[in-house]
Amino acid sequence: QRSSKHRSQKGSDDDIVMLKIQVTDTGCGIPSERISTIFQPYSQSKLSDYRKHGGTGLGLSILSGITNAMGGTIRCHSVEGDGATFVVRIPIQVVTYQCDGVVKQQHSTE
């Protein structure tokens, strides 16, 4: 049986990196006057979308809540009739630790 010694060291603010997730679709796009409301619960870009595509209008609201809780941001850019691009940015702290004499790094959202 092998035993390992672990020593972790929390990074400083300089060890923060931004995780960027970008999703682009080629759907119908979102009218500019509706972009400010699409992150609210039960919201959809057009009232007729529910009948056409289904869904509850909760997905972006949940994503926004999780992103905000992690200290991140979510943005949307859309051209009606030409799709939309969503960009999520979440700060991730780089944690350095030593295991059996080898220094390793991992990313943490804590």
N, C-alpha and C. Protein backbone atom coordinates (compact mmCIF):
# COMPACT_ATOMS: atom_id res chain seq x y z
N GLN A 1 0.85 -1.18 0.00
CA GLN A 1 0.00 0.00 0.00
C GLN A 1 0.90 1.24 0.00
N ARG A 2 0.64 2.09 -0.93
CA ARG A 2 1.44 3.29 -1.11
C ARG A 2 0.71 4.49 -0.50
N SER A 3 1.43 5.31 0.20
CA SER A 3 0.80 6.49 0.75
C SER A 3 1.38 7.72 0.07
N SER A 4 0.55 8.71 -0.11
CA SER A 4 0.97 9.94 -0.77
C SER A 4 0.82 11.10 0.19
N LYS A 5 1.74 12.02 0.12
CA LYS A 5 1.63 13.25 0.90
C LYS A 5 1.18 14.35 -0.04
N HIS A 6 0.11 15.03 0.33
CA HIS A 6 -0.44 16.11 -0.49
C HIS A 6 -0.30 17.42 0.27
N ARG A 7 0.14 18.43 -0.41
CA ARG A 7 0.18 19.76 0.17
C ARG A 7 -0.38 20.71 -0.87
N SER A 8 -1.47 21.39 -0.54
CA SER A 8 -2.05 22.32 -1.50
C SER A 8 -1.80 23.75 -1.06
N GLN A 9 -1.76 24.61 -2.03
CA GLN A 9 -1.52 26.02 -1.76
C GLN A 9 -2.49 26.81 -2.60
N LYS A 10 -3.34 27.57 -1.94
CA LYS A 10 -4.30 28.37 -2.68
C LYS A 10 -3.59 29.50 -3.38
N GLY A 11 -3.95 29.75 -4.60
CA GLY A 11 -3.29 30.77 -5.39
C GLY A 11 -3.69 32.18 -4.97
N SER A 12 -2.97 33.14 -5.46
CA SER A 12 -3.29 34.54 -5.22
C SER A 12 -4.23 35.03 -6.31
N ASP A 13 -4.65 36.29 -6.20
CA ASP A 13 -5.53 36.84 -7.23
C ASP A 13 -4.86 36.83 -8.60
N ASP A 14 -3.53 36.82 -8.62
CA ASP A 14 -2.80 36.77 -9.89
C ASP A 14 -2.98 35.42 -10.59
N ASP A 15 -3.43 34.41 -9.85
CA ASP A 15 -3.58 33.08 -10.39
C ASP A 15 -4.99 32.83 -10.93
N ILE A 16 -5.73 33.88 -11.18
CA ILE A 16 -7.08 33.76 -11.72
C ILE A 16 -7.01 33.81 -13.24
N VAL A 17 -7.64 32.84 -13.88
CA VAL A 17 -7.76 32.85 -15.34
C VAL A 17 -9.25 32.86 -15.67
N MET A 18 -9.58 33.35 -16.84
CA MET A 18 -10.98 33.40 -17.25
C MET A 18 -11.28 32.25 -18.21
N LEU A 19 -12.27 31.46 -17.86
CA LEU A 19 -12.77 30.41 -18.73
C LEU A 19 -13.83 31.06 -19.62
N LYS A 20 -13.66 30.94 -20.93
CA LYS A 20 -14.61 31.52 -21.87
C LYS A 20 -15.29 30.39 -22.64
N ILE A 21 -16.61 30.40 -22.59
CA ILE A 21 -17.42 29.43 -23.34
C ILE A 21 -18.28 30.23 -24.29
N GLN A 22 -18.16 29.94 -25.58
CA GLN A 22 -18.92 30.68 -26.59
C GLN A 22 -19.72 29.69 -27.41
N VAL A 23 -21.01 29.97 -27.52
CA VAL A 23 -21.92 29.12 -28.30
C VAL A 23 -22.63 30.00 -29.33
N THR A 24 -22.57 29.58 -30.58
CA THR A 24 -23.24 30.31 -31.66
C THR A 24 -24.25 29.38 -32.33
N ASP A 25 -25.45 29.89 -32.56
CA ASP A 25 -26.43 29.10 -33.31
C ASP A 25 -26.81 29.85 -34.58
N THR A 26 -27.44 29.15 -35.46
CA THR A 26 -27.87 29.75 -36.74
C THR A 26 -29.38 29.80 -36.82
N GLY A 27 -30.01 29.96 -35.66
CA GLY A 27 -31.47 29.99 -35.61
C GLY A 27 -32.04 31.30 -36.09
N CYS A 28 -33.22 31.62 -35.59
CA CYS A 28 -33.96 32.80 -36.06
C CYS A 28 -33.45 34.10 -35.47
N GLY A 29 -32.53 34.03 -34.50
CA GLY A 29 -32.03 35.25 -33.88
C GLY A 29 -33.01 35.80 -32.86
N ILE A 30 -32.57 36.83 -32.16
CA ILE A 30 -33.38 37.43 -31.10
C ILE A 30 -33.53 38.91 -31.41
N PRO A 31 -34.74 39.42 -31.42
CA PRO A 31 -34.92 40.86 -31.64
C PRO A 31 -34.17 41.66 -30.58
N SER A 32 -33.54 42.74 -30.97
CA SER A 32 -32.71 43.53 -30.05
C SER A 32 -33.48 44.00 -28.82
N GLU A 33 -34.76 44.30 -28.98
CA GLU A 33 -35.54 44.77 -27.83
C GLU A 33 -35.85 43.65 -26.83
N ARG A 34 -35.62 42.40 -27.20
CA ARG A 34 -35.90 41.26 -26.31
C ARG A 34 -34.64 40.73 -25.61
N ILE A 35 -33.45 41.12 -26.06
CA ILE A 35 -32.22 40.57 -25.48
C ILE A 35 -32.14 40.84 -23.98
N SER A 36 -32.58 42.00 -23.53
CA SER A 36 -32.49 42.32 -22.10
C SER A 36 -33.41 41.45 -21.23
N THR A 37 -34.37 40.76 -21.84
CA THR A 37 -35.32 39.96 -21.05
C THR A 37 -35.10 38.46 -21.15
N ILE A 38 -34.24 37.99 -22.03
CA ILE A 38 -34.14 36.55 -22.26
C ILE A 38 -33.51 35.78 -21.09
N PHE A 39 -32.87 36.48 -20.15
CA PHE A 39 -32.28 35.81 -19.00
C PHE A 39 -33.23 35.77 -17.81
N GLN A 40 -34.45 36.27 -17.98
CA GLN A 40 -35.46 36.22 -16.94
C GLN A 40 -36.22 34.89 -17.04
N PRO A 41 -36.68 34.35 -15.89
CA PRO A 41 -37.41 33.08 -15.93
C PRO A 41 -38.64 33.15 -16.84
N TYR A 42 -38.90 32.06 -17.53
CA TYR A 42 -40.05 31.86 -18.40
C TYR A 42 -40.09 32.83 -19.58
N SER A 43 -38.92 33.33 -19.97
CA SER A 43 -38.85 34.26 -21.08
C SER A 43 -38.38 33.54 -22.34
N GLN A 44 -38.96 33.92 -23.46
CA GLN A 44 -38.51 33.42 -24.75
C GLN A 44 -38.39 34.61 -25.69
N SER A 45 -37.56 34.44 -26.73
CA SER A 45 -37.28 35.59 -27.59
C SER A 45 -38.53 36.11 -28.30
N LYS A 46 -39.44 35.21 -28.64
CA LYS A 46 -40.71 35.61 -29.27
C LYS A 46 -41.82 34.81 -28.63
N LEU A 47 -42.96 35.40 -28.47
CA LEU A 47 -44.08 34.69 -27.85
C LEU A 47 -44.50 33.47 -28.65
N SER A 48 -44.31 33.48 -29.94
CA SER A 48 -44.69 32.33 -30.76
C SER A 48 -43.68 31.20 -30.68
N ASP A 49 -42.50 31.43 -30.07
CA ASP A 49 -41.46 30.40 -29.99
C ASP A 49 -41.91 29.18 -29.19
N TYR A 50 -42.71 29.41 -28.14
CA TYR A 50 -43.14 28.29 -27.32
C TYR A 50 -43.92 27.29 -28.14
N ARG A 51 -44.84 27.78 -28.94
CA ARG A 51 -45.66 26.87 -29.75
C ARG A 51 -44.83 26.20 -30.83
N LYS A 52 -43.85 26.92 -31.38
CA LYS A 52 -43.06 26.40 -32.49
C LYS A 52 -41.95 25.46 -32.03
N HIS A 53 -41.20 25.85 -30.98
CA HIS A 53 -40.01 25.11 -30.58
C HIS A 53 -40.16 24.39 -29.23
N GLY A 54 -41.18 24.73 -28.45
CA GLY A 54 -41.33 24.14 -27.12
C GLY A 54 -40.40 24.79 -26.12
N GLY A 55 -40.29 24.17 -24.97
CA GLY A 55 -39.42 24.70 -23.92
C GLY A 55 -40.19 25.57 -22.95
N THR A 56 -39.55 25.79 -21.81
CA THR A 56 -40.21 26.57 -20.75
C THR A 56 -39.69 27.98 -20.64
N GLY A 57 -38.56 28.27 -21.25
CA GLY A 57 -37.95 29.58 -21.11
C GLY A 57 -37.14 29.70 -19.83
N LEU A 58 -36.70 28.56 -19.27
CA LEU A 58 -35.92 28.58 -18.04
C LEU A 58 -34.43 28.38 -18.26
N GLY A 59 -34.03 27.84 -19.38
CA GLY A 59 -32.63 27.48 -19.62
C GLY A 59 -31.65 28.62 -19.43
N LEU A 60 -31.88 29.74 -20.09
CA LEU A 60 -30.96 30.88 -19.98
C LEU A 60 -31.03 31.52 -18.59
N SER A 61 -32.17 31.48 -17.95
CA SER A 61 -32.28 32.00 -16.59
C SER A 61 -31.44 31.17 -15.63
N ILE A 62 -31.50 29.85 -15.75
CA ILE A 62 -30.70 28.96 -14.91
C ILE A 62 -29.22 29.17 -15.19
N LEU A 63 -28.85 29.23 -16.46
CA LEU A 63 -27.45 29.46 -16.83
C LEU A 63 -26.95 30.78 -16.27
N SER A 64 -27.76 31.81 -16.36
CA SER A 64 -27.39 33.12 -15.84
C SER A 64 -27.19 33.08 -14.32
N GLY A 65 -28.07 32.40 -13.62
CA GLY A 65 -27.96 32.29 -12.16
C GLY A 65 -26.69 31.56 -11.73
N ILE A 66 -26.38 30.46 -12.39
CA ILE A 66 -25.17 29.70 -12.07
C ILE A 66 -23.93 30.52 -12.39
N THR A 67 -23.93 31.17 -13.56
CA THR A 67 -22.79 31.99 -13.96
C THR A 67 -22.56 33.12 -12.97
N ASN A 68 -23.61 33.81 -12.57
CA ASN A 68 -23.49 34.90 -11.59
C ASN A 68 -23.00 34.39 -10.24
N ALA A 69 -23.49 33.23 -9.81
CA ALA A 69 -23.07 32.66 -8.53
C ALA A 69 -21.57 32.32 -8.53
N MET A 70 -21.04 32.02 -9.71
CA MET A 70 -19.62 31.70 -9.83
C MET A 70 -18.77 32.95 -10.08
N GLY A 71 -19.40 34.12 -10.05
CA GLY A 71 -18.67 35.37 -10.24
C GLY A 71 -18.41 35.70 -11.70
N GLY A 72 -19.15 35.08 -12.59
CA GLY A 72 -18.94 35.27 -14.02
C GLY A 72 -19.97 36.17 -14.67
N THR A 73 -19.88 36.22 -15.98
CA THR A 73 -20.81 37.03 -16.77
C THR A 73 -21.32 36.22 -17.95
N ILE A 74 -22.47 36.60 -18.46
CA ILE A 74 -23.01 36.02 -19.69
C ILE A 74 -23.51 37.16 -20.55
N ARG A 75 -23.19 37.08 -21.83
CA ARG A 75 -23.60 38.11 -22.78
C ARG A 75 -24.19 37.44 -24.02
N CYS A 76 -25.03 38.19 -24.70
CA CYS A 76 -25.65 37.70 -25.93
C CYS A 76 -25.52 38.75 -27.02
N HIS A 77 -25.13 38.32 -28.19
CA HIS A 77 -25.14 39.17 -29.37
C HIS A 77 -25.98 38.44 -30.42
N SER A 78 -26.92 39.14 -31.00
CA SER A 78 -27.81 38.49 -31.95
C SER A 78 -28.21 39.44 -33.07
N VAL A 79 -28.38 38.86 -34.23
CA VAL A 79 -28.95 39.57 -35.37
C VAL A 79 -30.21 38.80 -35.75
N GLU A 80 -31.34 39.49 -35.68
CA GLU A 80 -32.61 38.82 -35.98
C GLU A 80 -32.56 38.23 -37.39
N GLY A 81 -32.93 36.96 -37.48
CA GLY A 81 -32.91 36.24 -38.75
C GLY A 81 -31.56 35.61 -39.06
N ASP A 82 -30.56 35.83 -38.17
CA ASP A 82 -29.21 35.34 -38.46
C ASP A 82 -28.58 34.62 -37.28
N GLY A 83 -29.33 34.25 -36.25
CA GLY A 83 -28.77 33.50 -35.12
C GLY A 83 -28.30 34.37 -33.98
N ALA A 84 -27.69 33.72 -33.01
CA ALA A 84 -27.23 34.40 -31.80
C ALA A 84 -25.93 33.78 -31.31
N THR A 85 -25.13 34.58 -30.61
CA THR A 85 -23.91 34.10 -29.97
C THR A 85 -23.99 34.44 -28.49
N PHE A 86 -23.77 33.43 -27.65
CA PHE A 86 -23.75 33.60 -26.20
C PHE A 86 -22.33 33.38 -25.73
N VAL A 87 -21.85 34.28 -24.87
CA VAL A 87 -20.49 34.18 -24.33
C VAL A 87 -20.59 34.18 -22.81
N VAL A 88 -20.08 33.11 -22.20
CA VAL A 88 -20.01 32.98 -20.75
C VAL A 88 -18.55 33.09 -20.35
N ARG A 89 -18.26 33.92 -19.34
CA ARG A 89 -16.90 34.04 -18.80
C ARG A 89 -16.98 33.77 -17.30
N ILE A 90 -16.15 32.82 -16.85
CA ILE A 90 -16.13 32.43 -15.44
C ILE A 90 -14.69 32.48 -14.93
N PRO A 91 -14.46 33.18 -13.80
CA PRO A 91 -13.11 33.21 -13.25
C PRO A 91 -12.77 31.85 -12.61
N ILE A 92 -11.60 31.36 -12.93
CA ILE A 92 -11.12 30.08 -12.40
C ILE A 92 -9.80 30.33 -11.71
N GLN A 93 -9.66 29.85 -10.49
CA GLN A 93 -8.40 30.03 -9.76
C GLN A 93 -7.49 28.83 -10.02
N VAL A 94 -6.24 29.12 -10.37
CA VAL A 94 -5.24 28.08 -10.56
C VAL A 94 -4.70 27.70 -9.19
N VAL A 95 -4.78 26.42 -8.86
CA VAL A 95 -4.29 25.93 -7.58
C VAL A 95 -3.08 25.05 -7.84
N THR A 96 -2.01 25.33 -7.14
CA THR A 96 -0.79 24.53 -7.27
C THR A 96 -0.69 23.63 -6.06
N TYR A 97 -0.38 22.35 -6.28
CA TYR A 97 -0.22 21.45 -5.16
C TYR A 97 0.94 20.51 -5.44
N GLN A 98 1.44 19.89 -4.37
CA GLN A 98 2.57 18.99 -4.49
C GLN A 98 2.13 17.61 -4.02
N CYS A 99 2.43 16.60 -4.81
CA CYS A 99 2.06 15.24 -4.50
C CYS A 99 3.27 14.35 -4.78
N ASP A 100 3.78 13.69 -3.77
CA ASP A 100 4.96 12.84 -3.91
C ASP A 100 6.13 13.59 -4.53
N GLY A 101 6.29 14.87 -4.15
CA GLY A 101 7.42 15.64 -4.62
C GLY A 101 7.25 16.25 -6.00
N VAL A 102 6.12 16.02 -6.66
CA VAL A 102 5.88 16.56 -7.99
C VAL A 102 4.88 17.70 -7.87
N VAL A 103 5.23 18.86 -8.40
CA VAL A 103 4.34 20.01 -8.36
C VAL A 103 3.36 19.91 -9.52
N LYS A 104 2.08 20.03 -9.22
CA LYS A 104 1.02 19.93 -10.23
C LYS A 104 0.12 21.14 -10.11
N GLN A 105 -0.64 21.41 -11.15
CA GLN A 105 -1.61 22.50 -11.12
C GLN A 105 -2.98 21.97 -11.49
N GLN A 106 -3.98 22.59 -10.93
CA GLN A 106 -5.35 22.29 -11.32
C GLN A 106 -6.13 23.58 -11.24
N HIS A 107 -7.30 23.59 -11.84
CA HIS A 107 -8.14 24.78 -11.84
C HIS A 107 -9.31 24.54 -10.91
N SER A 108 -9.68 25.59 -10.20
CA SER A 108 -10.75 25.49 -9.23
C SER A 108 -11.70 26.68 -9.40
N THR A 109 -12.98 26.44 -9.17
CA THR A 109 -13.96 27.53 -9.22
C THR A 109 -14.33 27.98 -7.82
N GLU A 110 -13.61 27.54 -6.80
CA GLU A 110 -13.91 27.94 -5.43
C GLU A 110 -13.51 29.37 -5.20
